[in-house]
Amino acid sequence: MRGMDRLLELQEIDSAIDRLTHRKAELESGQELGAARAALEDAESKLGELQLALDAVGREQSRLEHEIDSFEQKAAAEEKRMYDGSIVNVKELEALQHEIASLKERRSRAEDELLEQMVRREDLEARIVTAEQGAAAGREHVETVGGEASRELDRIGVDLATKAAEREAALPAIDEELLELYEDLRPQKKGVAVAALVDGVCQGCHEKLSALELDRLKHSEGVKRCEYCRRIVIFG
């Protein structure tokens, strides 16, 4: 049948057109750009959470520093009273000593808490630096993907026009009945209607044909079909 030798060429052209069309649809739907934007939003969200945590630590640090200063001033005032001779009552003196000890203990606990907050602040500041770098990289990626997508769409437009011209040039050499069968099979076979037979293996379904079937196909006239997937097969 006329054009069997050109059918694989047509299949390669159509497969290329399918790939280009699929890629064009992906770019136009903005899937890659959407993924890049989603990643950027996630990075910026994490950065925002870290900054909020750092603000909270800063407020707690200020509160503790104020508390420590207050305890120090109160303890100093009470110690001054204890030694200035104004208190002569033993029980009152003992109560004052107990109050001074309590103020110093509370100050010590506050200092320990302040130290913990300072350690946490250092950790958060280091994580924020990393998060800022991630967010900056994300913004750059969004800009890059957006620009690359536009350039790739331009290239795809040129390639599709070229492949369409190649397809039109190939059609006249193929018998109409054979072309009709090819066009009918394409949507049924995920776009691949024709496959090469290489070492007895159909390249469409990757099944190895029996020796008897291969011999029959070699000596038969007309269109040859794979016994498994029913694609048109051409000996490679």
Foldseek 3Di string as FASTA:
>chain_A
DWQPVLVVVLLVLQVVLVVLVVVLVCLVVCVVLVVLVVQLVVLVVVLVVLVVVLVVLVVLLVVLVVLLVVLVVVLVVLVCVLPPPPDDDPVVSVVSVVSSVVSVVVSVVSVVVSVVSVVVNVVSVVVSVVSVVSSVVSVVVSVVSVVVSVVVSVVSVVSSVVSVVVSVVSPVRDDPVVVVQQVVCCVVLVRRQEFEQDPQATPSVRDRDDPVLVVVQVPDDDFDADPPPRGTYHYD
